Amino acid sequence: MDNVAMLQGAESGSILRAAVEKGLLAVMSYMSRGKWRATKVLVLDLYAERLSVEVLPGKRPHPMNISVGQTVGISLKYGYGKFLFETKILDLQPSPNSRTRGIIVLALPEKIELVQKRNYFRVQVPRELSVKVKFWHRKGEETTGYNGCFYAADDKGRDNFFEGQLVDLSAGGAQVAVDITKKADFKNGQFIGLQFSPIPYEEPLSFNAQIKNIFPTADGSSLCYGLQAVGLDASPQGRSVLQRLCDVVERYYQMNQSGVKHQDMQ
């Protein structure tokens, strides 16, 4: 079965109607002042070729800085996978109550992509691989590349990179361990850029992520950063990165399974 499937027409319409009927929560990703942001929304209504969502309050709310005509990405979990689509903002409306942050009216997407649920399970990096991860925050000298990912503009910004070890990976994010002596100054909730080659000599994967948790390893030698990918649902280039992530997760899984079988034979 393909890791990513395409839904169009009646199929995509049925998914949106189910989301409205069941009152599903979704995540909306968007660019705000040059940075990717993500916020939770409630799928509210489907009418006249439009989809409305209600923006829910966050733990640390910040100005959204979005506008009519802006492209956003929507991802929602339902049934056997996660559904992703790119769309545009048609209207911004005030909230009918003080508990939410307003209503966003979206154009109906032409197509919806389905990522199989199995790709969102974390897969350990195979023991025979050592995958180094470079990551950085907005303090460095950066320039915007495709899909809003951030790359170092030149060698002057190299000191702003931190390097860690990839621990596990999924279509939704990764876990990276960083030597505690490196004193990486990242905080929970922060948005960062990261880059790594999942298999030696392959083209690097680059995307943006939000730090969801930080915790020390059992021996206290490293800090583990739990990262959630953001922005991959909001452009064709981002979804191409997502497809690669799914492929890598599948390869890691197969490599791990081969290693287990080899150990059993011994």
C-alpha atoms as a PDB file:
ATOM      1  CA  MET A   1       0.000   0.000   0.000  1.00  0.00           C
ATOM      2  CA  ASP A   2       1.261   3.495  -0.850  1.00  0.00           C
ATOM      3  CA  ASN A   3       2.412   5.664   2.034  1.00  0.00           C
ATOM      4  CA  VAL A   4       0.523   8.672   0.618  1.00  0.00           C
ATOM      5  CA  ALA A   5      -2.778   8.377  -1.288  1.00  0.00           C
ATOM      6  CA  MET A   6      -4.724  11.082  -3.141  1.00  0.00           C
ATOM      7  CA  LEU A   7      -8.421  11.723  -2.588  1.00  0.00           C
ATOM      8  CA  GLN A   8     -10.497  13.876  -4.935  1.00  0.00           C
ATOM      9  CA  GLY A   9     -14.112  14.730  -5.658  1.00  0.00           C
ATOM     10  CA  ALA A  10     -16.679  12.757  -3.681  1.00  0.00           C
ATOM     11  CA  GLU A  11     -14.014  11.039  -1.563  1.00  0.00           C
ATOM     12  CA  SER A  12     -12.536  14.296  -0.291  1.00  0.00           C
ATOM     13  CA  GLY A  13     -16.009  15.761   0.251  1.00  0.00           C
ATOM     14  CA  SER A  14     -17.034  12.808   2.425  1.00  0.00           C
ATOM     15  CA  ILE A  15     -13.965  13.282   4.630  1.00  0.00           C
ATOM     16  CA  LEU A  16     -14.786  16.971   5.192  1.00  0.00           C
ATOM     17  CA  ARG A  17     -18.438  16.197   5.954  1.00  0.00           C
ATOM     18  CA  ALA A  18     -17.366  13.563   8.481  1.00  0.00           C
ATOM     19  CA  ALA A  19     -14.997  16.070  10.102  1.00  0.00           C
ATOM     20  CA  VAL A  20     -17.862  18.538  10.524  1.00  0.00           C
ATOM     21  CA  GLU A  21     -20.351  15.952  11.795  1.00  0.00           C
ATOM     22  CA  LYS A  22     -17.911  14.559  14.347  1.00  0.00           C
ATOM     23  CA  GLY A  23     -16.545  17.956  15.382  1.00  0.00           C
ATOM     24  CA  LEU A  24     -12.972  16.909  14.697  1.00  0.00           C
ATOM     25  CA  LEU A  25      -9.956  18.923  15.759  1.00  0.00           C
ATOM     26  CA  ALA A  26      -7.349  19.795  13.148  1.00  0.00           C
ATOM     27  CA  VAL A  27      -4.013  21.599  13.014  1.00  0.00           C
ATOM     28  CA  MET A  28      -3.636  24.623  10.764  1.00  0.00           C
ATOM     29  CA  SER A  29      -0.092  25.577   9.726  1.00  0.00           C
ATOM     30  CA  TYR A  30       0.669  29.005   8.298  1.00  0.00           C
ATOM     31  CA  MET A  31       3.462  31.500   7.754  1.00  0.00           C
ATOM     32  CA  SER A  32       3.545  34.507  10.072  1.00  0.00           C
ATOM     33  CA  ARG A  33       6.299  37.099   9.714  1.00  0.00           C
ATOM     34  CA  GLY A  34       8.592  34.648   7.979  1.00  0.00           C
ATOM     35  CA  LYS A  35       8.101  31.814  10.481  1.00  0.00           C
ATOM     36  CA  TRP A  36       5.980  28.694  10.388  1.00  0.00           C
ATOM     37  CA  ARG A  37       3.295  28.554  13.039  1.00  0.00           C
ATOM     38  CA  ALA A  38       0.757  25.889  13.947  1.00  0.00           C
ATOM     39  CA  THR A  39      -2.514  26.254  15.806  1.00  0.00           C
ATOM     40  CA  LYS A  40      -5.395  23.934  16.720  1.00  0.00           C
ATOM     41  CA  VAL A  41      -8.748  24.540  15.053  1.00  0.00           C
ATOM     42  CA  LEU A  42     -12.193  22.982  15.309  1.00  0.00           C
ATOM     43  CA  VAL A  43     -13.796  21.947  12.014  1.00  0.00           C
ATOM     44  CA  LEU A  44     -17.027  23.899  12.238  1.00  0.00           C
ATOM     45  CA  ASP A  45     -19.124  23.936   9.069  1.00  0.00           C
ATOM     46  CA  LEU A  46     -19.194  23.050   5.375  1.00  0.00           C
ATOM     47  CA  TYR A  47     -21.358  25.172   3.084  1.00  0.00           C
ATOM     48  CA  ALA A  48     -21.445  26.776  -0.377  1.00  0.00           C
ATOM     49  CA  GLU A  49     -17.997  25.508  -1.400  1.00  0.00           C
ATOM     50  CA  ARG A  50     -16.511  26.799   1.838  1.00  0.00           C
ATOM     51  CA  LEU A  51     -15.142  25.229   5.003  1.00  0.00           C
ATOM     52  CA  SER A  52     -15.100  27.143   8.268  1.00  0.00           C
ATOM     53  CA  VAL A  53     -12.873  26.391  11.251  1.00  0.00           C
ATOM     54  CA  GLU A  54     -12.759  27.940  14.708  1.00  0.00           C
ATOM     55  CA  VAL A  55      -9.388  28.840  16.193  1.00  0.00           C
ATOM     56  CA  LEU A  56      -8.946  27.387  19.662  1.00  0.00           C
ATOM     57  CA  PRO A  57      -6.993  29.145  22.424  1.00  0.00           C
ATOM     58  CA  GLY A  58      -3.436  27.925  22.890  1.00  0.00           C
ATOM     59  CA  LYS A  59      -1.355  27.546  26.021  1.00  0.00           C
ATOM     60  CA  ARG A  60       0.778  30.495  24.945  1.00  0.00           C
ATOM     61  CA  PRO A  61      -1.311  32.500  22.459  1.00  0.00           C
ATOM     62  CA  HIS A  62       0.497  34.798  20.049  1.00  0.00           C
ATOM     63  CA  PRO A  63      -0.776  37.145  17.316  1.00  0.00           C
ATOM     64  CA  MET A  64      -1.689  35.075  14.260  1.00  0.00           C
ATOM     65  CA  ASN A  65      -0.913  37.733  11.632  1.00  0.00           C
ATOM     66  CA  ILE A  66      -2.845  36.022   8.847  1.00  0.00           C
ATOM     67  CA  SER A  67      -4.787  37.601   5.992  1.00  0.00           C
ATOM     68  CA  VAL A  68      -7.428  36.851   3.374  1.00  0.00           C
ATOM     69  CA  GLY A  69      -5.885  35.146   0.353  1.00  0.00           C
ATOM     70  CA  GLN A  70      -3.104  33.536   2.380  1.00  0.00           C
ATOM     71  CA  THR A  71      -2.300  29.869   1.786  1.00  0.00           C
ATOM     72  CA  VAL A  72      -2.505  27.572   4.817  1.00  0.00           C
ATOM     73  CA  GLY A  73      -2.243  23.850   5.446  1.00  0.00           C
ATOM     74  CA  ILE A  74      -4.745  21.711   7.326  1.00  0.00           C
ATOM     75  CA  SER A  75      -4.088  18.275   8.833  1.00  0.00           C
ATOM     76  CA  LEU A  76      -6.610  16.153  10.712  1.00  0.00           C
ATOM     77  CA  LYS A  77      -6.602  12.633  12.109  1.00  0.00           C
ATOM     78  CA  TYR A  78      -9.518  10.433  11.202  1.00  0.00           C
ATOM     79  CA  GLY A  79     -10.003   6.699  10.876  1.00  0.00           C
ATOM     80  CA  TYR A  80      -7.024   4.995   9.296  1.00  0.00           C
ATOM     81  CA  GLY A  81      -4.695   7.929   8.818  1.00  0.00           C
ATOM     82  CA  LYS A  82      -4.022  11.647   8.706  1.00  0.00           C
ATOM     83  CA  PHE A  83      -5.625  13.801   6.012  1.00  0.00           C
ATOM     84  CA  LEU A  84      -3.717  16.812   4.670  1.00  0.00           C
ATOM     85  CA  PHE A  85      -4.625  19.586   2.274  1.00  0.00           C
ATOM     86  CA  GLU A  86      -3.574  23.032   1.156  1.00  0.00           C
ATOM     87  CA  THR A  87      -6.139  25.808   0.858  1.00  0.00           C
ATOM     88  CA  LYS A  88      -6.625  29.589   0.986  1.00  0.00           C
ATOM     89  CA  ILE A  89      -8.247  31.889   3.508  1.00  0.00           C
ATOM     90  CA  LEU A  90     -11.454  33.426   2.112  1.00  0.00           C
ATOM     91  CA  ASP A  91     -12.632  35.351   5.160  1.00  0.00           C
ATOM     92  CA  LEU A  92     -11.814  36.123   8.791  1.00  0.00           C
ATOM     93  CA  GLN A  93     -14.736  36.437  11.201  1.00  0.00           C
ATOM     94  CA  PRO A  94     -14.964  37.313  14.897  1.00  0.00           C
ATOM     95  CA  SER A  95     -15.605  34.571  17.415  1.00  0.00           C
ATOM     96  CA  PRO A  96     -19.219  34.155  18.601  1.00  0.00           C
ATOM     97  CA  ASN A  97     -17.929  33.642  22.139  1.00  0.00           C
ATOM     98  CA  SER A  98     -14.951  34.671  24.240  1.00  0.00           C
ATOM     99  CA  ARG A  99     -13.542  31.145  24.524  1.00  0.00           C
ATOM    100  CA  THR A 100     -12.123  30.996  20.994  1.00  0.00           C
ATOM    101  CA  ARG A 101      -9.971  33.281  18.860  1.00  0.00           C
ATOM    102  CA  GLY A 102     -12.165  33.688  15.791  1.00  0.00           C
ATOM    103  CA  ILE A 103     -13.476  31.851  12.737  1.00  0.00           C
ATOM    104  CA  ILE A 104     -11.541  31.315   9.523  1.00  0.00           C
ATOM    105  CA  VAL A 105     -13.403  30.589   6.298  1.00  0.00           C
ATOM    106  CA  LEU A 106     -11.404  28.427   3.871  1.00  0.00           C
ATOM    107  CA  ALA A 107     -11.815  27.471   0.241  1.00  0.00           C
ATOM    108  CA  LEU A 108     -12.617  23.807  -0.347  1.00  0.00           C
ATOM    109  CA  PRO A 109      -9.459  21.955  -1.394  1.00  0.00           C
ATOM    110  CA  GLU A 110      -9.225  20.434  -4.863  1.00  0.00           C
ATOM    111  CA  LYS A 111      -7.634  17.330  -3.377  1.00  0.00           C
ATOM    112  CA  ILE A 112      -6.803  15.797  -0.020  1.00  0.00           C
ATOM    113  CA  GLU A 113      -3.809  13.593   0.673  1.00  0.00           C
ATOM    114  CA  LEU A 114      -4.014  10.650   3.040  1.00  0.00           C
ATOM    115  CA  VAL A 115      -0.939   9.517   4.956  1.00  0.00           C
ATOM    116  CA  GLN A 116      -1.306   6.048   6.435  1.00  0.00           C
ATOM    117  CA  LYS A 117      -1.430   5.950  10.236  1.00  0.00           C
ATOM    118  CA  ARG A 118       1.505   3.521  10.431  1.00  0.00           C
ATOM    119  CA  ASN A 119       3.843   6.256   9.162  1.00  0.00           C
ATOM    120  CA  TYR A 120       3.186   8.316  12.304  1.00  0.00           C
ATOM    121  CA  PHE A 121       4.516   5.639  14.636  1.00  0.00           C
ATOM    122  CA  ARG A 122       8.056   6.434  15.751  1.00  0.00           C
ATOM    123  CA  VAL A 123      10.691   4.120  14.289  1.00  0.00           C
ATOM    124  CA  GLN A 124      14.107   3.816  15.925  1.00  0.00           C
ATOM    125  CA  VAL A 125      17.118   4.652  13.794  1.00  0.00           C
ATOM    126  CA  PRO A 126      18.709   1.297  12.826  1.00  0.00           C
ATOM    127  CA  ARG A 127      21.714   0.446  14.993  1.00  0.00           C
ATOM    128  CA  GLU A 128      24.007   0.201  11.959  1.00  0.00           C
ATOM    129  CA  LEU A 129      23.373   3.883  11.144  1.00  0.00           C
ATOM    130  CA  SER A 130      24.700   7.012  12.826  1.00  0.00           C
ATOM    131  CA  VAL A 131      22.570   9.937  11.624  1.00  0.00           C
ATOM    132  CA  LYS A 132      23.830  13.403  12.495  1.00  0.00           C
ATOM    133  CA  VAL A 133      21.264  16.206  12.633  1.00  0.00           C
ATOM    134  CA  LYS A 134      22.027  19.901  12.216  1.00  0.00           C
ATOM    135  CA  PHE A 135      19.471  22.272  13.675  1.00  0.00           C
ATOM    136  CA  TRP A 136      19.262  25.970  14.391  1.00  0.00           C
ATOM    137  CA  HIS A 137      16.955  28.787  15.448  1.00  0.00           C
ATOM    138  CA  ARG A 138      16.234  32.300  14.227  1.00  0.00           C
ATOM    139  CA  LYS A 139      19.205  33.891  15.957  1.00  0.00           C
ATOM    140  CA  GLY A 140      21.539  32.696  13.190  1.00  0.00           C
ATOM    141  CA  GLU A 141      22.160  34.256   9.787  1.00  0.00           C
ATOM    142  CA  GLU A 142      19.562  32.542   7.655  1.00  0.00           C
ATOM    143  CA  THR A 143      17.810  32.739   4.355  1.00  0.00           C
ATOM    144  CA  THR A 144      14.486  31.252   3.377  1.00  0.00           C
ATOM    145  CA  GLY A 145      14.571  28.240   1.065  1.00  0.00           C
ATOM    146  CA  TYR A 146      11.801  26.161  -0.468  1.00  0.00           C
ATOM    147  CA  ASN A 147       8.809  25.354   1.693  1.00  0.00           C
ATOM    148  CA  GLY A 148       9.887  28.075   4.144  1.00  0.00           C
ATOM    149  CA  CYS A 149      12.738  25.918   5.461  1.00  0.00           C
ATOM    150  CA  PHE A 150      15.706  27.816   6.806  1.00  0.00           C
ATOM    151  CA  TYR A 151      19.235  27.320   5.563  1.00  0.00           C
ATOM    152  CA  ALA A 152      22.461  29.000   6.693  1.00  0.00           C
ATOM    153  CA  ALA A 153      23.154  31.896   4.371  1.00  0.00           C
ATOM    154  CA  ASP A 154      26.919  31.343   4.431  1.00  0.00           C
ATOM    155  CA  ASP A 155      29.746  30.052   6.603  1.00  0.00           C
ATOM    156  CA  LYS A 156      29.416  33.047   8.936  1.00  0.00           C
ATOM    157  CA  GLY A 157      26.340  31.415  10.478  1.00  0.00           C
ATOM    158  CA  ARG A 158      27.945  28.023  11.088  1.00  0.00           C
ATOM    159  CA  ASP A 159      28.517  28.765  14.768  1.00  0.00           C
ATOM    160  CA  ASN A 160      24.753  29.000  15.147  1.00  0.00           C
ATOM    161  CA  PHE A 161      24.266  25.369  14.201  1.00  0.00           C
ATOM    162  CA  PHE A 162      23.971  22.662  16.817  1.00  0.00           C
ATOM    163  CA  GLU A 163      24.538  19.031  15.998  1.00  0.00           C
ATOM    164  CA  GLY A 164      22.761  16.066  17.515  1.00  0.00           C
ATOM    165  CA  GLN A 165      22.073  12.400  16.934  1.00  0.00           C
ATOM    166  CA  LEU A 166      18.814  11.217  15.374  1.00  0.00           C
ATOM    167  CA  VAL A 167      17.133   8.792  17.801  1.00  0.00           C
ATOM    168  CA  ASP A 168      13.846   8.050  16.050  1.00  0.00           C
ATOM    169  CA  LEU A 169      11.720   9.301  13.184  1.00  0.00           C
ATOM    170  CA  SER A 170       8.131   9.392  11.964  1.00  0.00           C
ATOM    171  CA  ALA A 171       6.123  11.264   9.346  1.00  0.00           C
ATOM    172  CA  GLY A 172       5.153  13.675  12.126  1.00  0.00           C
ATOM    173  CA  GLY A 173       8.552  14.486  13.581  1.00  0.00           C
ATOM    174  CA  ALA A 174      11.687  13.176  15.217  1.00  0.00           C
ATOM    175  CA  GLN A 175      13.642  12.827  18.423  1.00  0.00           C
ATOM    176  CA  VAL A 176      17.184  14.202  18.533  1.00  0.00           C
ATOM    177  CA  ALA A 177      19.742  13.706  21.306  1.00  0.00           C
ATOM    178  CA  VAL A 178      22.282  16.491  21.923  1.00  0.00           C
ATOM    179  CA  ASP A 179      25.376  16.238  24.114  1.00  0.00           C
ATOM    180  CA  ILE A 180      24.566  18.200  27.264  1.00  0.00           C
ATOM    181  CA  THR A 181      28.015  19.853  27.230  1.00  0.00           C
ATOM    182  CA  LYS A 182      27.097  21.693  24.015  1.00  0.00           C
ATOM    183  CA  LYS A 183      24.690  23.880  26.022  1.00  0.00           C
ATOM    184  CA  ALA A 184      22.133  24.163  23.206  1.00  0.00           C
ATOM    185  CA  ASP A 185      19.890  27.102  24.132  1.00  0.00           C
ATOM    186  CA  PHE A 186      16.579  25.827  22.801  1.00  0.00           C
ATOM    187  CA  LYS A 187      13.270  26.042  24.654  1.00  0.00           C
ATOM    188  CA  ASN A 188      10.083  24.053  24.710  1.00  0.00           C
ATOM    189  CA  GLY A 189       7.613  25.399  22.121  1.00  0.00           C
ATOM    190  CA  GLN A 190      10.319  27.001  19.971  1.00  0.00           C
ATOM    191  CA  PHE A 191      10.283  26.653  16.179  1.00  0.00           C
ATOM    192  CA  ILE A 192      13.533  25.508  14.588  1.00  0.00           C
ATOM    193  CA  GLY A 193      14.989  24.318  11.281  1.00  0.00           C
ATOM    194  CA  LEU A 194      16.740  20.969  10.939  1.00  0.00           C
ATOM    195  CA  GLN A 195      18.595  18.997   8.296  1.00  0.00           C
ATOM    196  CA  PHE A 196      19.964  15.449   8.090  1.00  0.00           C
ATOM    197  CA  SER A 197      20.795  12.695   5.614  1.00  0.00           C
ATOM    198  CA  PRO A 198      18.698   9.673   6.677  1.00  0.00           C
ATOM    199  CA  ILE A 199      20.951   7.279   4.758  1.00  0.00           C
ATOM    200  CA  PRO A 200      24.683   8.039   4.141  1.00  0.00           C
ATOM    201  CA  TYR A 201      25.343   9.981   0.937  1.00  0.00           C
ATOM    202  CA  GLU A 202      21.651  10.601   0.254  1.00  0.00           C
ATOM    203  CA  GLU A 203      20.283  14.088  -0.377  1.00  0.00           C
ATOM    204  CA  PRO A 204      19.581  15.730   3.004  1.00  0.00           C
ATOM    205  CA  LEU A 205      16.058  16.192   4.309  1.00  0.00           C
ATOM    206  CA  SER A 206      15.265  19.708   5.546  1.00  0.00           C
ATOM    207  CA  PHE A 207      12.136  20.953   7.277  1.00  0.00           C
ATOM    208  CA  ASN A 208      10.863  23.093  10.133  1.00  0.00           C
ATOM    209  CA  ALA A 209       9.730  21.715  13.464  1.00  0.00           C
ATOM    210  CA  GLN A 210       8.447  22.783  16.856  1.00  0.00           C
ATOM    211  CA  ILE A 211      10.063  21.547  20.063  1.00  0.00           C
ATOM    212  CA  LYS A 212       7.324  19.696  21.943  1.00  0.00           C
ATOM    213  CA  ASN A 213       9.374  18.379  24.881  1.00  0.00           C
ATOM    214  CA  ILE A 214      12.900  18.326  26.276  1.00  0.00           C
ATOM    215  CA  PHE A 215      14.184  15.706  28.699  1.00  0.00           C
ATOM    216  CA  PRO A 216      17.554  14.263  29.792  1.00  0.00           C
ATOM    217  CA  THR A 217      18.698  10.776  28.831  1.00  0.00           C
ATOM    218  CA  ALA A 218      18.843   8.128  31.574  1.00  0.00           C
ATOM    219  CA  ASP A 219      22.609   8.599  32.008  1.00  0.00           C
ATOM    220  CA  GLY A 220      22.338  12.403  32.006  1.00  0.00           C
ATOM    221  CA  SER A 221      24.856  12.775  29.176  1.00  0.00           C
ATOM    222  CA  SER A 222      22.435  14.240  26.605  1.00  0.00           C
ATOM    223  CA  LEU A 223      19.224  16.166  26.217  1.00  0.00           C
ATOM    224  CA  CYS A 224      16.537  14.664  23.987  1.00  0.00           C
ATOM    225  CA  TYR A 225      14.422  17.059  21.931  1.00  0.00           C
ATOM    226  CA  GLY A 226      11.016  15.805  20.792  1.00  0.00           C
ATOM    227  CA  LEU A 227      10.260  17.601  17.512  1.00  0.00           C
ATOM    228  CA  GLN A 228       6.995  17.954  15.602  1.00  0.00           C
ATOM    229  CA  ALA A 229       7.263  18.782  11.899  1.00  0.00           C
ATOM    230  CA  VAL A 230       5.341  21.891  10.779  1.00  0.00           C
ATOM    231  CA  GLY A 231       4.430  23.337   7.398  1.00  0.00           C
ATOM    232  CA  LEU A 232       4.633  20.112   5.395  1.00  0.00           C
ATOM    233  CA  ASP A 233       0.915  20.208   4.593  1.00  0.00           C
ATOM    234  CA  ALA A 234       0.920  23.743   3.193  1.00  0.00           C
ATOM    235  CA  SER A 235       2.714  23.387  -0.162  1.00  0.00           C
ATOM    236  CA  PRO A 236       3.545  20.822  -2.851  1.00  0.00           C
ATOM    237  CA  GLN A 237       7.220  21.049  -1.871  1.00  0.00           C
ATOM    238  CA  GLY A 238       6.382  20.373   1.762  1.00  0.00           C
ATOM    239  CA  ARG A 239       4.300  17.350   0.878  1.00  0.00           C
ATOM    240  CA  SER A 240       7.214  16.083  -1.223  1.00  0.00           C
ATOM    241  CA  VAL A 241       9.334  16.234   1.950  1.00  0.00           C
ATOM    242  CA  LEU A 242       6.559  14.414   3.792  1.00  0.00           C
ATOM    243  CA  GLN A 243       6.588  11.648   1.173  1.00  0.00           C
ATOM    244  CA  ARG A 244      10.337  11.252   1.665  1.00  0.00           C
ATOM    245  CA  LEU A 245       9.854  11.076   5.436  1.00  0.00           C
ATOM    246  CA  CYS A 246       7.292   8.294   4.958  1.00  0.00           C
ATOM    247  CA  ASP A 247       9.689   6.419   2.674  1.00  0.00           C
ATOM    248  CA  VAL A 248      12.522   6.715   5.194  1.00  0.00           C
ATOM    249  CA  VAL A 249      10.287   5.524   8.044  1.00  0.00           C
ATOM    250  CA  GLU A 250       9.416   2.461   5.958  1.00  0.00           C
ATOM    251  CA  ARG A 251      13.092   1.780   5.174  1.00  0.00           C
ATOM    252  CA  TYR A 252      14.110   2.150   8.833  1.00  0.00           C
ATOM    253  CA  TYR A 253      11.345  -0.247   9.824  1.00  0.00           C
ATOM    254  CA  GLN A 254      12.472  -2.841   7.281  1.00  0.00           C
ATOM    255  CA  MET A 255      16.122  -2.476   8.359  1.00  0.00           C
ATOM    256  CA  ASN A 256      15.153  -2.955  12.008  1.00  0.00           C
ATOM    257  CA  GLN A 257      13.074  -6.008  11.150  1.00  0.00           C
ATOM    258  CA  SER A 258      15.979  -7.500   9.188  1.00  0.00           C
ATOM    259  CA  GLY A 259      18.251  -6.948  12.181  1.00  0.00           C
ATOM    260  CA  VAL A 260      15.802  -8.685  14.534  1.00  0.00           C
ATOM    261  CA  LYS A 261      15.530 -11.689  12.188  1.00  0.00           C
ATOM    262  CA  HIS A 262      19.325 -11.887  11.942  1.00  0.00           C
ATOM    263  CA  GLN A 263      19.640 -11.940  15.748  1.00  0.00           C
ATOM    264  CA  ASP A 264      16.993 -14.664  15.983  1.00  0.00           C
ATOM    265  CA  MET A 265      18.918 -16.831  13.535  1.00  0.00           C
ATOM    266  CA  GLN A 266      22.044 -16.528  15.648  1.00  0.00           C
END
